[in-house]
């Protein structure tokens, strides 16, 4: 994650998201989101509550460590198994 040019009026936000191939669709994390922003602490606990109802039953959110840029962006990246798209999974 980079935010080159922040403060110049022409910021380039770049995010690299690796995709991992899995053998079975139920092994996949099919949804991702983030929480954070510039120069403030991310509201992680609130975001966890908001995502609780979309997570496949019996599974937990996977939350990255806090990612920061030198320009002050602070983000947690969150993945989960989505109960709507993976309803057939146990």
C-alpha atoms as a PDB file:
ATOM      1  CA  UNK A   1       0.000   0.000   0.000  1.00  0.00           C
ATOM      2  CA  UNK A   2       1.446   3.355  -1.020  1.00  0.00           C
ATOM      3  CA  UNK A   3       0.122   6.921  -1.199  1.00  0.00           C
ATOM      4  CA  UNK A   4       2.772   8.722  -3.227  1.00  0.00           C
ATOM      5  CA  UNK A   5       2.184  12.450  -3.619  1.00  0.00           C
ATOM      6  CA  UNK A   6      -0.107  12.923  -0.634  1.00  0.00           C
ATOM      7  CA  UNK A   7      -0.485  16.642   0.039  1.00  0.00           C
ATOM      8  CA  UNK A   8       0.428  17.629  -3.518  1.00  0.00           C
ATOM      9  CA  UNK A   9      -3.123  17.487  -4.835  1.00  0.00           C
ATOM     10  CA  UNK A  10      -2.147  14.542  -7.048  1.00  0.00           C
ATOM     11  CA  UNK A  11      -1.917  11.486  -4.808  1.00  0.00           C
ATOM     12  CA  UNK A  12      -1.422   8.050  -6.344  1.00  0.00           C
ATOM     13  CA  UNK A  13      -2.929   5.376  -4.142  1.00  0.00           C
ATOM     14  CA  UNK A  14      -1.544   1.935  -4.950  1.00  0.00           C
ATOM     15  CA  UNK A  15      -2.671  -1.277  -3.337  1.00  0.00           C
ATOM     16  CA  UNK A  16      -1.260  -4.736  -4.054  1.00  0.00           C
ATOM     17  CA  UNK A  17      -3.653  -7.575  -3.253  1.00  0.00           C
ATOM     18  CA  UNK A  18      -2.341 -11.111  -3.793  1.00  0.00           C
ATOM     19  CA  UNK A  19      -4.853 -13.724  -4.870  1.00  0.00           C
ATOM     20  CA  UNK A  20      -4.244 -17.284  -3.694  1.00  0.00           C
ATOM     21  CA  UNK A  21      -5.526 -20.285  -5.630  1.00  0.00           C
ATOM     22  CA  UNK A  22      -7.333 -22.862  -3.491  1.00  0.00           C
ATOM     23  CA  UNK A  23      -8.478 -26.362  -4.419  1.00  0.00           C
ATOM     24  CA  UNK A  24     -11.984 -26.042  -2.964  1.00  0.00           C
ATOM     25  CA  UNK A  25     -14.290 -23.034  -3.162  1.00  0.00           C
ATOM     26  CA  UNK A  26     -15.091 -23.309   0.541  1.00  0.00           C
ATOM     27  CA  UNK A  27     -11.415 -22.700   1.369  1.00  0.00           C
ATOM     28  CA  UNK A  28     -11.511 -19.266  -0.279  1.00  0.00           C
ATOM     29  CA  UNK A  29     -11.903 -15.935   1.422  1.00  0.00           C
ATOM     30  CA  UNK A  30     -14.390 -14.370  -0.979  1.00  0.00           C
ATOM     31  CA  UNK A  31     -14.744 -10.878   0.484  1.00  0.00           C
ATOM     32  CA  UNK A  32     -12.438  -8.119   1.627  1.00  0.00           C
ATOM     33  CA  UNK A  33     -12.713  -4.609   2.973  1.00  0.00           C
ATOM     34  CA  UNK A  34     -10.702  -2.101   4.961  1.00  0.00           C
ATOM     35  CA  UNK A  35     -11.013   0.307   7.822  1.00  0.00           C
ATOM     36  CA  UNK A  36      -8.861   3.338   8.439  1.00  0.00           C
ATOM     37  CA  UNK A  37      -7.915   6.678   6.990  1.00  0.00           C
ATOM     38  CA  UNK A  38      -5.423   9.467   7.136  1.00  0.00           C
ATOM     39  CA  UNK A  39      -4.007  10.647  10.447  1.00  0.00           C
ATOM     40  CA  UNK A  40      -6.499   8.965  12.755  1.00  0.00           C
ATOM     41  CA  UNK A  41      -6.809   5.638  14.514  1.00  0.00           C
ATOM     42  CA  UNK A  42      -8.911   3.162  12.475  1.00  0.00           C
ATOM     43  CA  UNK A  43     -12.302   2.267  14.002  1.00  0.00           C
ATOM     44  CA  UNK A  44     -11.515  -1.457  13.898  1.00  0.00           C
ATOM     45  CA  UNK A  45     -13.912  -2.596  16.629  1.00  0.00           C
ATOM     46  CA  UNK A  46     -16.857  -0.860  14.952  1.00  0.00           C
ATOM     47  CA  UNK A  47     -15.956  -2.391  11.570  1.00  0.00           C
ATOM     48  CA  UNK A  48     -15.723  -5.862  13.143  1.00  0.00           C
ATOM     49  CA  UNK A  49     -19.258  -5.454  14.502  1.00  0.00           C
ATOM     50  CA  UNK A  50     -20.514  -4.281  11.085  1.00  0.00           C
ATOM     51  CA  UNK A  51     -19.036  -7.334   9.328  1.00  0.00           C
ATOM     52  CA  UNK A  52     -20.219  -9.884  11.893  1.00  0.00           C
ATOM     53  CA  UNK A  53     -23.487 -10.506  10.030  1.00  0.00           C
ATOM     54  CA  UNK A  54     -21.893 -11.196   6.627  1.00  0.00           C
ATOM     55  CA  UNK A  55     -19.321 -13.736   7.814  1.00  0.00           C
ATOM     56  CA  UNK A  56     -19.955 -17.439   7.217  1.00  0.00           C
ATOM     57  CA  UNK A  57     -21.148 -19.051  10.438  1.00  0.00           C
ATOM     58  CA  UNK A  58     -18.332 -20.679  12.396  1.00  0.00           C
ATOM     59  CA  UNK A  59     -15.641 -18.568  10.719  1.00  0.00           C
ATOM     60  CA  UNK A  60     -13.729 -15.512  11.860  1.00  0.00           C
ATOM     61  CA  UNK A  61     -12.596 -12.353  10.124  1.00  0.00           C
ATOM     62  CA  UNK A  62      -8.965 -12.399   9.033  1.00  0.00           C
ATOM     63  CA  UNK A  63      -7.539  -8.987   9.925  1.00  0.00           C
ATOM     64  CA  UNK A  64      -4.122  -7.811   8.804  1.00  0.00           C
ATOM     65  CA  UNK A  65      -1.697  -6.024  11.030  1.00  0.00           C
ATOM     66  CA  UNK A  66      -1.947  -2.228  10.813  1.00  0.00           C
ATOM     67  CA  UNK A  67      -0.578  -0.995   7.489  1.00  0.00           C
ATOM     68  CA  UNK A  68       0.742   2.566   7.323  1.00  0.00           C
ATOM     69  CA  UNK A  69       2.288   4.813   4.723  1.00  0.00           C
ATOM     70  CA  UNK A  70       4.829   7.560   5.280  1.00  0.00           C
ATOM     71  CA  UNK A  71       2.122  10.057   4.297  1.00  0.00           C
ATOM     72  CA  UNK A  72      -0.053   9.034   7.277  1.00  0.00           C
ATOM     73  CA  UNK A  73      -2.576   6.555   5.846  1.00  0.00           C
ATOM     74  CA  UNK A  74      -3.434   3.856   8.397  1.00  0.00           C
ATOM     75  CA  UNK A  75      -5.475   0.827   7.317  1.00  0.00           C
ATOM     76  CA  UNK A  76      -6.431  -2.620   8.486  1.00  0.00           C
ATOM     77  CA  UNK A  77      -7.339  -5.000   5.646  1.00  0.00           C
ATOM     78  CA  UNK A  78     -10.034  -7.553   6.412  1.00  0.00           C
ATOM     79  CA  UNK A  79     -10.963 -10.798   4.639  1.00  0.00           C
ATOM     80  CA  UNK A  80     -13.782 -13.191   5.338  1.00  0.00           C
ATOM     81  CA  UNK A  81     -15.745 -16.131   4.056  1.00  0.00           C
ATOM     82  CA  UNK A  82     -19.009 -14.603   2.911  1.00  0.00           C
ATOM     83  CA  UNK A  83     -22.170 -16.334   4.125  1.00  0.00           C
ATOM     84  CA  UNK A  84     -24.184 -15.147   1.103  1.00  0.00           C
ATOM     85  CA  UNK A  85     -21.783 -16.334  -1.605  1.00  0.00           C
ATOM     86  CA  UNK A  86     -20.574 -19.413   0.296  1.00  0.00           C
ATOM     87  CA  UNK A  87     -23.884 -20.510   1.812  1.00  0.00           C
ATOM     88  CA  UNK A  88     -23.168 -24.118   0.785  1.00  0.00           C
ATOM     89  CA  UNK A  89     -19.988 -24.287   2.890  1.00  0.00           C
ATOM     90  CA  UNK A  90     -19.826 -25.603   6.452  1.00  0.00           C
END
